[in-house]
Amino acid sequence: MGQVRFSTVRDLFEAYPLARYDVGKASPDKLSLDFLQEAADAGNWHQAVSFCAYLLPRRVAVAWGCRSLRQMFDHFDGNEGRSLSFAETWVRQPDEQSRNKALAVGNANDPEQPATWLALAAGWSGGSVVPAEFAPVEAKPDQTARAVRAALLIGLCRLSRESRDRIMTACLEDGIQLARGEPRPLR
């Protein structure tokens, strides 16, 4: 079993001050995994998704987002499938070329589609977030987490009421296992 990236809620909020707004009310001294598990058990999907997106390292968060989106929906057409494919390619091959391709696809596609945000999450994982012809602008440390969060919350809104709890429970169980460092292929 690996070590959790941020032991407590406070540790995470100190590393990512904007997470306080995305996650909402949280006891700062609570252990991170306990907080995440309690939010998931309570079906507080917005809070659990937000916290998990910040808790996981960037590459793992994007992988979790891609896997979660695939659990939410059976198929992806056109540009949405393309966005998801580029994000997954970056997860498997996290080099600068894959990151730049994911960023370009994310910037070109519909921001109302959850997979667009996963491509942006991969694109915002490091390096410059503007085209090469411009002076470099570094990604902010929280951009990947915020994009993964956006993707999954858009997806959550599109789930049927009948399937929402089952699917989100499975997604959060996967995220918790990843946060624990349990061996899971990132695909």
N, C-alpha and C. Protein backbone atom coordinates (compact mmCIF):
# COMPACT_ATOMS: atom_id res chain seq x y z
N MET A 1 0.85 -1.18 0.00
CA MET A 1 0.00 0.00 0.00
C MET A 1 0.89 1.24 0.00
N GLY A 2 0.59 2.21 -0.86
CA GLY A 2 1.37 3.43 -0.97
C GLY A 2 0.97 4.46 0.07
N GLN A 3 1.69 5.54 0.08
CA GLN A 3 1.40 6.63 1.00
C GLN A 3 0.45 7.62 0.32
N VAL A 4 -0.53 8.09 1.08
CA VAL A 4 -1.50 9.05 0.55
C VAL A 4 -0.79 10.38 0.31
N ARG A 5 -1.09 11.00 -0.78
CA ARG A 5 -0.44 12.23 -1.21
C ARG A 5 -0.60 13.37 -0.19
N PHE A 6 -1.78 13.54 0.37
CA PHE A 6 -2.03 14.55 1.39
C PHE A 6 -2.69 13.85 2.57
N SER A 7 -2.03 13.83 3.71
CA SER A 7 -2.55 13.10 4.86
C SER A 7 -3.89 13.62 5.34
N THR A 8 -4.01 14.93 5.43
CA THR A 8 -5.24 15.52 5.97
C THR A 8 -5.87 16.47 4.96
N VAL A 9 -7.10 16.83 5.23
CA VAL A 9 -7.80 17.82 4.42
C VAL A 9 -7.01 19.12 4.43
N ARG A 10 -6.49 19.50 5.57
CA ARG A 10 -5.70 20.74 5.69
C ARG A 10 -4.50 20.70 4.74
N ASP A 11 -3.80 19.57 4.69
CA ASP A 11 -2.64 19.45 3.81
C ASP A 11 -3.02 19.72 2.35
N LEU A 12 -4.14 19.16 1.94
CA LEU A 12 -4.60 19.35 0.57
C LEU A 12 -4.97 20.82 0.33
N PHE A 13 -5.70 21.42 1.27
CA PHE A 13 -6.12 22.81 1.12
C PHE A 13 -4.92 23.76 1.14
N GLU A 14 -3.87 23.43 1.87
CA GLU A 14 -2.68 24.27 1.87
C GLU A 14 -1.95 24.19 0.53
N ALA A 15 -1.96 23.01 -0.07
CA ALA A 15 -1.31 22.84 -1.37
C ALA A 15 -2.13 23.48 -2.49
N TYR A 16 -3.46 23.40 -2.37
CA TYR A 16 -4.37 23.91 -3.39
C TYR A 16 -5.43 24.79 -2.74
N PRO A 17 -5.14 26.06 -2.52
CA PRO A 17 -6.11 26.93 -1.83
C PRO A 17 -7.48 27.01 -2.50
N LEU A 18 -7.55 26.92 -3.83
CA LEU A 18 -8.85 26.97 -4.51
C LEU A 18 -9.70 25.73 -4.24
N ALA A 19 -9.07 24.66 -3.79
CA ALA A 19 -9.83 23.44 -3.50
C ALA A 19 -10.87 23.69 -2.41
N ARG A 20 -10.60 24.62 -1.51
CA ARG A 20 -11.58 24.94 -0.45
C ARG A 20 -12.93 25.31 -1.05
N TYR A 21 -12.91 26.06 -2.13
CA TYR A 21 -14.15 26.49 -2.77
C TYR A 21 -14.81 25.36 -3.54
N ASP A 22 -14.00 24.54 -4.19
CA ASP A 22 -14.53 23.43 -4.97
C ASP A 22 -15.08 22.31 -4.09
N VAL A 23 -14.39 22.04 -3.00
CA VAL A 23 -14.77 20.94 -2.10
C VAL A 23 -15.88 21.35 -1.15
N GLY A 24 -15.80 22.56 -0.65
CA GLY A 24 -16.80 23.04 0.30
C GLY A 24 -16.39 22.74 1.73
N LYS A 25 -17.37 22.74 2.60
CA LYS A 25 -17.11 22.58 4.03
C LYS A 25 -16.46 21.23 4.33
N ALA A 26 -15.37 21.31 5.08
CA ALA A 26 -14.61 20.11 5.43
C ALA A 26 -13.84 20.35 6.71
N SER A 27 -13.78 19.35 7.55
CA SER A 27 -12.99 19.43 8.78
C SER A 27 -11.51 19.31 8.41
N PRO A 28 -10.72 20.35 8.67
CA PRO A 28 -9.32 20.35 8.22
C PRO A 28 -8.46 19.26 8.83
N ASP A 29 -8.80 18.79 10.01
CA ASP A 29 -7.98 17.77 10.66
C ASP A 29 -8.36 16.34 10.27
N LYS A 30 -9.40 16.20 9.48
CA LYS A 30 -9.86 14.87 9.04
C LYS A 30 -8.81 14.27 8.10
N LEU A 31 -8.55 12.98 8.26
CA LEU A 31 -7.65 12.29 7.33
C LEU A 31 -8.28 12.32 5.93
N SER A 32 -7.46 12.54 4.94
CA SER A 32 -7.95 12.70 3.57
C SER A 32 -8.80 11.52 3.10
N LEU A 33 -8.31 10.31 3.29
CA LEU A 33 -9.07 9.16 2.82
C LEU A 33 -10.37 8.97 3.59
N ASP A 34 -10.35 9.31 4.88
CA ASP A 34 -11.59 9.23 5.67
C ASP A 34 -12.61 10.24 5.15
N PHE A 35 -12.14 11.45 4.88
CA PHE A 35 -13.04 12.49 4.36
C PHE A 35 -13.63 12.06 3.01
N LEU A 36 -12.78 11.57 2.12
CA LEU A 36 -13.23 11.15 0.81
C LEU A 36 -14.23 10.00 0.92
N GLN A 37 -13.93 9.02 1.76
CA GLN A 37 -14.83 7.87 1.93
C GLN A 37 -16.17 8.31 2.50
N GLU A 38 -16.15 9.21 3.47
CA GLU A 38 -17.40 9.69 4.08
C GLU A 38 -18.25 10.46 3.06
N ALA A 39 -17.61 11.29 2.24
CA ALA A 39 -18.36 12.03 1.22
C ALA A 39 -18.97 11.06 0.20
N ALA A 40 -18.20 10.05 -0.19
CA ALA A 40 -18.72 9.06 -1.14
C ALA A 40 -19.86 8.25 -0.51
N ASP A 41 -19.67 7.81 0.72
CA ASP A 41 -20.70 7.02 1.40
C ASP A 41 -22.00 7.81 1.56
N ALA A 42 -21.88 9.12 1.74
CA ALA A 42 -23.06 9.97 1.92
C ALA A 42 -23.70 10.35 0.58
N GLY A 43 -23.07 9.95 -0.52
CA GLY A 43 -23.59 10.31 -1.83
C GLY A 43 -23.43 11.78 -2.14
N ASN A 44 -22.48 12.42 -1.49
CA ASN A 44 -22.18 13.83 -1.76
C ASN A 44 -21.19 13.86 -2.92
N TRP A 45 -21.73 13.61 -4.11
CA TRP A 45 -20.90 13.40 -5.29
C TRP A 45 -20.06 14.62 -5.66
N HIS A 46 -20.60 15.81 -5.57
CA HIS A 46 -19.82 17.01 -5.91
C HIS A 46 -18.59 17.12 -5.02
N GLN A 47 -18.79 16.94 -3.73
CA GLN A 47 -17.68 17.06 -2.79
C GLN A 47 -16.66 15.94 -2.99
N ALA A 48 -17.14 14.72 -3.14
CA ALA A 48 -16.24 13.58 -3.29
C ALA A 48 -15.44 13.67 -4.59
N VAL A 49 -16.10 13.99 -5.69
CA VAL A 49 -15.40 14.12 -6.97
C VAL A 49 -14.36 15.24 -6.88
N SER A 50 -14.74 16.37 -6.32
CA SER A 50 -13.83 17.50 -6.21
C SER A 50 -12.61 17.14 -5.38
N PHE A 51 -12.82 16.53 -4.22
CA PHE A 51 -11.71 16.20 -3.35
C PHE A 51 -10.79 15.16 -4.00
N CYS A 52 -11.37 14.16 -4.61
CA CYS A 52 -10.57 13.11 -5.24
C CYS A 52 -9.73 13.67 -6.39
N ALA A 53 -10.29 14.57 -7.17
CA ALA A 53 -9.54 15.15 -8.29
C ALA A 53 -8.29 15.88 -7.81
N TYR A 54 -8.38 16.52 -6.66
CA TYR A 54 -7.21 17.20 -6.10
C TYR A 54 -6.27 16.22 -5.39
N LEU A 55 -6.82 15.20 -4.78
CA LEU A 55 -6.02 14.26 -3.99
C LEU A 55 -5.08 13.44 -4.85
N LEU A 56 -5.51 13.08 -6.04
CA LEU A 56 -4.70 12.23 -6.91
C LEU A 56 -3.63 13.04 -7.64
N PRO A 57 -2.46 12.44 -7.87
CA PRO A 57 -1.47 13.10 -8.73
C PRO A 57 -2.06 13.34 -10.12
N ARG A 58 -1.54 14.29 -10.85
CA ARG A 58 -2.14 14.73 -12.11
C ARG A 58 -2.42 13.60 -13.09
N ARG A 59 -1.42 12.80 -13.39
CA ARG A 59 -1.60 11.73 -14.37
C ARG A 59 -2.64 10.73 -13.89
N VAL A 60 -2.59 10.41 -12.62
CA VAL A 60 -3.55 9.46 -12.05
C VAL A 60 -4.95 10.06 -12.06
N ALA A 61 -5.06 11.35 -11.80
CA ALA A 61 -6.36 12.02 -11.81
C ALA A 61 -6.97 11.98 -13.21
N VAL A 62 -6.16 12.21 -14.23
CA VAL A 62 -6.67 12.15 -15.60
C VAL A 62 -7.09 10.72 -15.94
N ALA A 63 -6.28 9.74 -15.55
CA ALA A 63 -6.65 8.34 -15.78
C ALA A 63 -7.97 8.01 -15.08
N TRP A 64 -8.10 8.45 -13.84
CA TRP A 64 -9.34 8.22 -13.08
C TRP A 64 -10.53 8.89 -13.78
N GLY A 65 -10.33 10.11 -14.25
CA GLY A 65 -11.39 10.81 -14.96
C GLY A 65 -11.82 10.06 -16.22
N CYS A 66 -10.86 9.57 -16.98
CA CYS A 66 -11.17 8.83 -18.21
C CYS A 66 -11.92 7.54 -17.89
N ARG A 67 -11.44 6.81 -16.90
CA ARG A 67 -12.11 5.56 -16.51
C ARG A 67 -13.50 5.83 -15.98
N SER A 68 -13.64 6.88 -15.22
CA SER A 68 -14.96 7.23 -14.68
C SER A 68 -15.93 7.60 -15.80
N LEU A 69 -15.46 8.38 -16.74
CA LEU A 69 -16.32 8.77 -17.86
C LEU A 69 -16.75 7.53 -18.66
N ARG A 70 -15.86 6.59 -18.82
CA ARG A 70 -16.20 5.35 -19.53
C ARG A 70 -17.21 4.52 -18.73
N GLN A 71 -17.17 4.62 -17.39
CA GLN A 71 -18.19 3.93 -16.58
C GLN A 71 -19.54 4.63 -16.71
N MET A 72 -19.51 5.93 -16.88
CA MET A 72 -20.75 6.71 -16.97
C MET A 72 -21.50 6.47 -18.28
N PHE A 73 -20.76 6.35 -19.38
CA PHE A 73 -21.38 6.30 -20.70
C PHE A 73 -20.81 5.17 -21.53
N ASP A 74 -21.66 4.59 -22.37
CA ASP A 74 -21.28 3.43 -23.18
C ASP A 74 -20.43 3.78 -24.39
N HIS A 75 -20.69 4.91 -25.01
CA HIS A 75 -19.96 5.25 -26.22
C HIS A 75 -19.75 6.76 -26.33
N PHE A 76 -18.78 7.10 -27.14
CA PHE A 76 -18.43 8.50 -27.37
C PHE A 76 -18.26 8.68 -28.87
N ASP A 77 -18.96 9.65 -29.42
CA ASP A 77 -18.92 9.89 -30.86
C ASP A 77 -18.07 11.12 -31.19
N GLY A 78 -17.59 11.16 -32.40
CA GLY A 78 -16.95 12.34 -32.96
C GLY A 78 -15.89 12.97 -32.09
N ASN A 79 -16.06 14.28 -31.89
CA ASN A 79 -15.06 15.04 -31.15
C ASN A 79 -14.93 14.61 -29.70
N GLU A 80 -16.03 14.15 -29.10
CA GLU A 80 -15.93 13.71 -27.71
C GLU A 80 -15.07 12.45 -27.61
N GLY A 81 -15.26 11.53 -28.52
CA GLY A 81 -14.42 10.33 -28.54
C GLY A 81 -12.96 10.68 -28.80
N ARG A 82 -12.76 11.65 -29.66
CA ARG A 82 -11.40 12.11 -29.98
C ARG A 82 -10.74 12.74 -28.75
N SER A 83 -11.48 13.57 -28.03
CA SER A 83 -10.94 14.20 -26.82
C SER A 83 -10.54 13.15 -25.79
N LEU A 84 -11.42 12.18 -25.58
CA LEU A 84 -11.15 11.12 -24.61
C LEU A 84 -9.94 10.30 -25.03
N SER A 85 -9.85 10.01 -26.31
CA SER A 85 -8.72 9.24 -26.83
C SER A 85 -7.39 9.96 -26.61
N PHE A 86 -7.36 11.27 -26.84
CA PHE A 86 -6.11 12.02 -26.64
C PHE A 86 -5.74 12.10 -25.16
N ALA A 87 -6.73 12.22 -24.29
CA ALA A 87 -6.45 12.21 -22.85
C ALA A 87 -5.89 10.86 -22.42
N GLU A 88 -6.49 9.78 -22.92
CA GLU A 88 -6.01 8.43 -22.58
C GLU A 88 -4.62 8.16 -23.15
N THR A 89 -4.35 8.69 -24.33
CA THR A 89 -3.01 8.54 -24.91
C THR A 89 -1.98 9.22 -24.01
N TRP A 90 -2.30 10.41 -23.51
CA TRP A 90 -1.36 11.10 -22.62
C TRP A 90 -1.16 10.30 -21.32
N VAL A 91 -2.20 9.67 -20.81
CA VAL A 91 -2.05 8.85 -19.59
C VAL A 91 -1.06 7.72 -19.84
N ARG A 92 -1.21 7.05 -20.98
CA ARG A 92 -0.31 5.93 -21.31
C ARG A 92 1.10 6.41 -21.66
N GLN A 93 1.19 7.56 -22.29
CA GLN A 93 2.46 8.09 -22.79
C GLN A 93 2.55 9.57 -22.42
N PRO A 94 2.90 9.87 -21.16
CA PRO A 94 2.86 11.26 -20.68
C PRO A 94 4.06 12.10 -21.10
N ASP A 95 4.22 12.22 -22.41
CA ASP A 95 5.32 13.05 -22.92
C ASP A 95 4.76 14.38 -23.42
N GLU A 96 5.65 15.24 -23.82
CA GLU A 96 5.27 16.60 -24.24
C GLU A 96 4.44 16.58 -25.53
N GLN A 97 4.74 15.70 -26.44
CA GLN A 97 3.97 15.61 -27.69
C GLN A 97 2.52 15.20 -27.40
N SER A 98 2.33 14.19 -26.57
CA SER A 98 0.97 13.75 -26.22
C SER A 98 0.22 14.84 -25.46
N ARG A 99 0.93 15.52 -24.58
CA ARG A 99 0.30 16.60 -23.81
C ARG A 99 -0.16 17.72 -24.72
N ASN A 100 0.71 18.12 -25.66
CA ASN A 100 0.36 19.21 -26.58
C ASN A 100 -0.81 18.83 -27.49
N LYS A 101 -0.87 17.58 -27.93
CA LYS A 101 -1.99 17.14 -28.77
C LYS A 101 -3.30 17.16 -27.98
N ALA A 102 -3.24 16.69 -26.73
CA ALA A 102 -4.44 16.72 -25.88
C ALA A 102 -4.89 18.16 -25.65
N LEU A 103 -3.95 19.04 -25.41
CA LEU A 103 -4.27 20.45 -25.19
C LEU A 103 -4.92 21.06 -26.42
N ALA A 104 -4.38 20.79 -27.59
CA ALA A 104 -4.94 21.34 -28.83
C ALA A 104 -6.37 20.83 -29.07
N VAL A 105 -6.58 19.54 -28.85
CA VAL A 105 -7.92 18.97 -29.04
C VAL A 105 -8.89 19.55 -28.01
N GLY A 106 -8.45 19.65 -26.77
CA GLY A 106 -9.30 20.22 -25.73
C GLY A 106 -9.69 21.66 -26.03
N ASN A 107 -8.73 22.44 -26.51
CA ASN A 107 -9.02 23.84 -26.84
C ASN A 107 -9.95 23.98 -28.04
N ALA A 108 -9.95 22.99 -28.93
CA ALA A 108 -10.75 23.08 -30.15
C ALA A 108 -12.17 22.53 -29.99
N ASN A 109 -12.41 21.76 -28.94
CA ASN A 109 -13.69 21.07 -28.83
C ASN A 109 -14.66 21.75 -27.88
N ASP A 110 -15.87 21.25 -27.85
CA ASP A 110 -17.00 21.82 -27.14
C ASP A 110 -16.81 21.74 -25.61
N PRO A 111 -16.79 22.88 -24.92
CA PRO A 111 -16.61 22.85 -23.47
C PRO A 111 -17.80 22.30 -22.70
N GLU A 112 -18.89 22.01 -23.40
CA GLU A 112 -20.03 21.38 -22.73
C GLU A 112 -19.92 19.86 -22.72
N GLN A 113 -18.90 19.33 -23.38
CA GLN A 113 -18.68 17.88 -23.41
C GLN A 113 -17.65 17.51 -22.34
N PRO A 114 -17.96 16.53 -21.50
CA PRO A 114 -17.03 16.17 -20.42
C PRO A 114 -15.65 15.73 -20.91
N ALA A 115 -15.59 15.02 -22.03
CA ALA A 115 -14.28 14.55 -22.52
C ALA A 115 -13.37 15.71 -22.92
N THR A 116 -13.95 16.82 -23.36
CA THR A 116 -13.15 18.00 -23.67
C THR A 116 -12.33 18.41 -22.46
N TRP A 117 -12.95 18.36 -21.28
CA TRP A 117 -12.27 18.76 -20.06
C TRP A 117 -11.17 17.78 -19.66
N LEU A 118 -11.33 16.51 -20.02
CA LEU A 118 -10.25 15.55 -19.74
C LEU A 118 -9.06 15.78 -20.66
N ALA A 119 -9.32 16.14 -21.92
CA ALA A 119 -8.21 16.50 -22.80
C ALA A 119 -7.50 17.74 -22.26
N LEU A 120 -8.27 18.72 -21.80
CA LEU A 120 -7.65 19.91 -21.19
C LEU A 120 -6.89 19.55 -19.92
N ALA A 121 -7.43 18.65 -19.13
CA ALA A 121 -6.74 18.22 -17.90
C ALA A 121 -5.36 17.66 -18.24
N ALA A 122 -5.29 16.84 -19.27
CA ALA A 122 -3.99 16.30 -19.70
C ALA A 122 -3.11 17.44 -20.22
N GLY A 123 -3.70 18.32 -21.03
CA GLY A 123 -2.94 19.44 -21.60
C GLY A 123 -2.42 20.42 -20.56
N TRP A 124 -3.16 20.55 -19.47
CA TRP A 124 -2.77 21.47 -18.41
C TRP A 124 -1.92 20.81 -17.32
N SER A 125 -1.42 19.63 -17.58
CA SER A 125 -0.68 18.88 -16.56
C SER A 125 0.73 19.41 -16.32
N GLY A 126 1.21 20.28 -17.16
CA GLY A 126 2.55 20.84 -17.01
C GLY A 126 2.94 21.54 -18.30
N GLY A 127 4.07 22.17 -18.30
CA GLY A 127 4.51 22.85 -19.50
C GLY A 127 3.67 24.08 -19.81
N SER A 128 3.86 24.60 -21.01
CA SER A 128 3.15 25.81 -21.43
C SER A 128 1.75 25.44 -21.90
N VAL A 129 0.80 26.32 -21.62
CA VAL A 129 -0.59 26.08 -21.99
C VAL A 129 -1.04 26.95 -23.17
N VAL A 130 -0.08 27.55 -23.86
CA VAL A 130 -0.38 28.36 -25.04
C VAL A 130 0.40 27.78 -26.23
N PRO A 131 -0.04 28.07 -27.47
CA PRO A 131 0.67 27.56 -28.64
C PRO A 131 2.14 28.00 -28.65
N ALA A 132 2.96 27.20 -29.32
CA ALA A 132 4.42 27.39 -29.32
C ALA A 132 4.85 28.75 -29.85
N GLU A 133 4.02 29.38 -30.70
CA GLU A 133 4.43 30.68 -31.26
C GLU A 133 4.35 31.83 -30.25
N PHE A 134 3.78 31.57 -29.09
CA PHE A 134 3.67 32.58 -28.05
C PHE A 134 4.67 32.31 -26.92
N ALA A 135 4.95 33.34 -26.14
CA ALA A 135 5.82 33.15 -24.98
C ALA A 135 5.15 32.14 -24.04
N PRO A 136 5.94 31.24 -23.46
CA PRO A 136 5.36 30.20 -22.61
C PRO A 136 4.56 30.76 -21.43
N VAL A 137 3.44 30.13 -21.15
CA VAL A 137 2.63 30.41 -19.97
C VAL A 137 2.45 29.07 -19.26
N GLU A 138 3.03 28.97 -18.09
CA GLU A 138 2.99 27.71 -17.36
C GLU A 138 1.60 27.40 -16.81
N ALA A 139 1.27 26.13 -16.81
CA ALA A 139 0.00 25.68 -16.22
C ALA A 139 0.02 25.95 -14.72
N LYS A 140 -1.13 26.33 -14.19
CA LYS A 140 -1.24 26.50 -12.74
C LYS A 140 -1.35 25.12 -12.10
N PRO A 141 -0.86 24.97 -10.88
CA PRO A 141 -0.83 23.66 -10.24
C PRO A 141 -2.20 22.98 -10.10
N ASP A 142 -3.26 23.77 -10.00
CA ASP A 142 -4.59 23.17 -9.77
C ASP A 142 -5.40 22.97 -11.06
N GLN A 143 -4.85 23.35 -12.21
CA GLN A 143 -5.64 23.30 -13.45
C GLN A 143 -6.08 21.89 -13.82
N THR A 144 -5.22 20.92 -13.66
CA THR A 144 -5.60 19.54 -14.01
C THR A 144 -6.72 19.06 -13.12
N ALA A 145 -6.60 19.26 -11.81
CA ALA A 145 -7.65 18.82 -10.88
C ALA A 145 -8.98 19.50 -11.19
N ARG A 146 -8.94 20.77 -11.48
CA ARG A 146 -10.18 21.50 -11.75
C ARG A 146 -10.82 21.02 -13.06
N ALA A 147 -10.00 20.65 -14.04
CA ALA A 147 -10.55 20.16 -15.30
C ALA A 147 -11.13 18.75 -15.14
N VAL A 148 -10.46 17.89 -14.39
CA VAL A 148 -11.01 16.55 -14.12
C VAL A 148 -12.33 16.69 -13.38
N ARG A 149 -12.36 17.56 -12.41
CA ARG A 149 -13.59 17.82 -11.64
C ARG A 149 -14.71 18.28 -12.57
N ALA A 150 -14.41 19.22 -13.46
CA ALA A 150 -15.42 19.72 -14.39
C ALA A 150 -15.96 18.60 -15.27
N ALA A 151 -15.06 17.77 -15.79
CA ALA A 151 -15.48 16.67 -16.66
C ALA A 151 -16.45 15.74 -15.94
N LEU A 152 -16.11 15.36 -14.73
CA LEU A 152 -16.94 14.39 -14.01
C LEU A 152 -18.24 15.01 -13.51
N LEU A 153 -18.22 16.27 -13.18
CA LEU A 153 -19.47 16.90 -12.74
C LEU A 153 -20.43 17.12 -13.92
N ILE A 154 -19.89 17.42 -15.10
CA ILE A 154 -20.74 17.50 -16.29
C ILE A 154 -21.32 16.12 -16.57
N GLY A 155 -20.49 15.09 -16.50
CA GLY A 155 -20.97 13.73 -16.71
C GLY A 155 -22.03 13.34 -15.69
N LEU A 156 -21.81 13.69 -14.44
CA LEU A 156 -22.76 13.39 -13.37
C LEU A 156 -24.13 13.98 -13.68
N CYS A 157 -24.15 15.19 -14.18
CA CYS A 157 -25.42 15.85 -14.51
C CYS A 157 -26.18 15.14 -15.62
N ARG A 158 -25.49 14.36 -16.41
CA ARG A 158 -26.12 13.67 -17.54
C ARG A 158 -26.55 12.24 -17.21
N LEU A 159 -26.20 11.78 -16.03
CA LEU A 159 -26.59 10.41 -15.64
C LEU A 159 -28.07 10.37 -15.27
N SER A 160 -28.69 9.25 -15.56
CA SER A 160 -30.09 9.09 -15.15
C SER A 160 -30.14 8.95 -13.63
N ARG A 161 -31.22 9.37 -13.07
CA ARG A 161 -31.41 9.27 -11.62
C ARG A 161 -31.27 7.82 -11.15
N GLU A 162 -31.74 6.87 -11.96
CA GLU A 162 -31.71 5.46 -11.59
C GLU A 162 -30.29 4.90 -11.52
N SER A 163 -29.40 5.40 -12.35
CA SER A 163 -28.04 4.83 -12.39
C SER A 163 -27.01 5.67 -11.65
N ARG A 164 -27.35 6.88 -11.26
CA ARG A 164 -26.38 7.82 -10.69
C ARG A 164 -25.61 7.24 -9.48
N ASP A 165 -26.31 6.77 -8.49
CA ASP A 165 -25.64 6.31 -7.27
C ASP A 165 -24.74 5.11 -7.53
N ARG A 166 -25.21 4.17 -8.33
CA ARG A 166 -24.42 2.97 -8.63
C ARG A 166 -23.13 3.34 -9.37
N ILE A 167 -23.27 4.17 -10.39
CA ILE A 167 -22.10 4.55 -11.19
C ILE A 167 -21.13 5.40 -10.39
N MET A 168 -21.65 6.38 -9.67
CA MET A 168 -20.75 7.26 -8.92
C MET A 168 -20.06 6.51 -7.77
N THR A 169 -20.75 5.58 -7.15
CA THR A 169 -20.11 4.77 -6.11
C THR A 169 -18.93 4.01 -6.70
N ALA A 170 -19.13 3.41 -7.87
CA ALA A 170 -18.04 2.67 -8.52
C ALA A 170 -16.88 3.60 -8.89
N CYS A 171 -17.20 4.78 -9.42
CA CYS A 171 -16.15 5.74 -9.78
C CYS A 171 -15.34 6.16 -8.56
N LEU A 172 -16.03 6.46 -7.47
CA LEU A 172 -15.33 6.91 -6.26
C LEU A 172 -14.55 5.77 -5.60
N GLU A 173 -15.07 4.56 -5.66
CA GLU A 173 -14.30 3.41 -5.14
C GLU A 173 -12.98 3.28 -5.89
N ASP A 174 -13.04 3.45 -7.21
CA ASP A 174 -11.83 3.41 -8.03
C ASP A 174 -10.87 4.53 -7.62
N GLY A 175 -11.39 5.75 -7.44
CA GLY A 175 -10.55 6.87 -7.04
C GLY A 175 -9.91 6.66 -5.67
N ILE A 176 -10.66 6.09 -4.75
CA ILE A 176 -10.12 5.83 -3.40
C ILE A 176 -9.02 4.79 -3.47
N GLN A 177 -9.21 3.75 -4.27
CA GLN A 177 -8.15 2.75 -4.41
C GLN A 177 -6.90 3.36 -5.03
N LEU A 178 -7.09 4.22 -6.02
CA LEU A 178 -5.93 4.90 -6.61
C LEU A 178 -5.23 5.79 -5.59
N ALA A 179 -6.01 6.50 -4.77
CA ALA A 179 -5.42 7.38 -3.76
C ALA A 179 -4.64 6.58 -2.72
N ARG A 180 -5.09 5.38 -2.44
CA ARG A 180 -4.38 4.51 -1.49
C ARG A 180 -3.10 3.94 -2.09
N GLY A 181 -2.96 4.07 -3.39
CA GLY A 181 -1.77 3.53 -4.06
C GLY A 181 -1.91 2.06 -4.35
N GLU A 182 -3.15 1.55 -4.34
CA GLU A 182 -3.35 0.15 -4.66
C GLU A 182 -3.07 -0.07 -6.14
N PRO A 183 -2.41 -1.17 -6.45
CA PRO A 183 -2.02 -1.40 -7.85
C PRO A 183 -3.24 -1.47 -8.76
N ARG A 184 -3.27 -0.59 -9.73
CA ARG A 184 -4.35 -0.55 -10.73
C ARG A 184 -3.74 -0.02 -12.01
N PRO A 185 -3.95 -0.71 -13.11
CA PRO A 185 -3.39 -0.20 -14.38
C PRO A 185 -4.05 1.13 -14.75
N LEU A 186 -3.26 2.06 -15.23
CA LEU A 186 -3.79 3.38 -15.58
C LEU A 186 -4.42 3.39 -16.96
N ARG A 187 -4.12 2.46 -17.81
CA ARG A 187 -4.68 2.35 -19.17
C ARG A 187 -4.67 3.66 -19.85
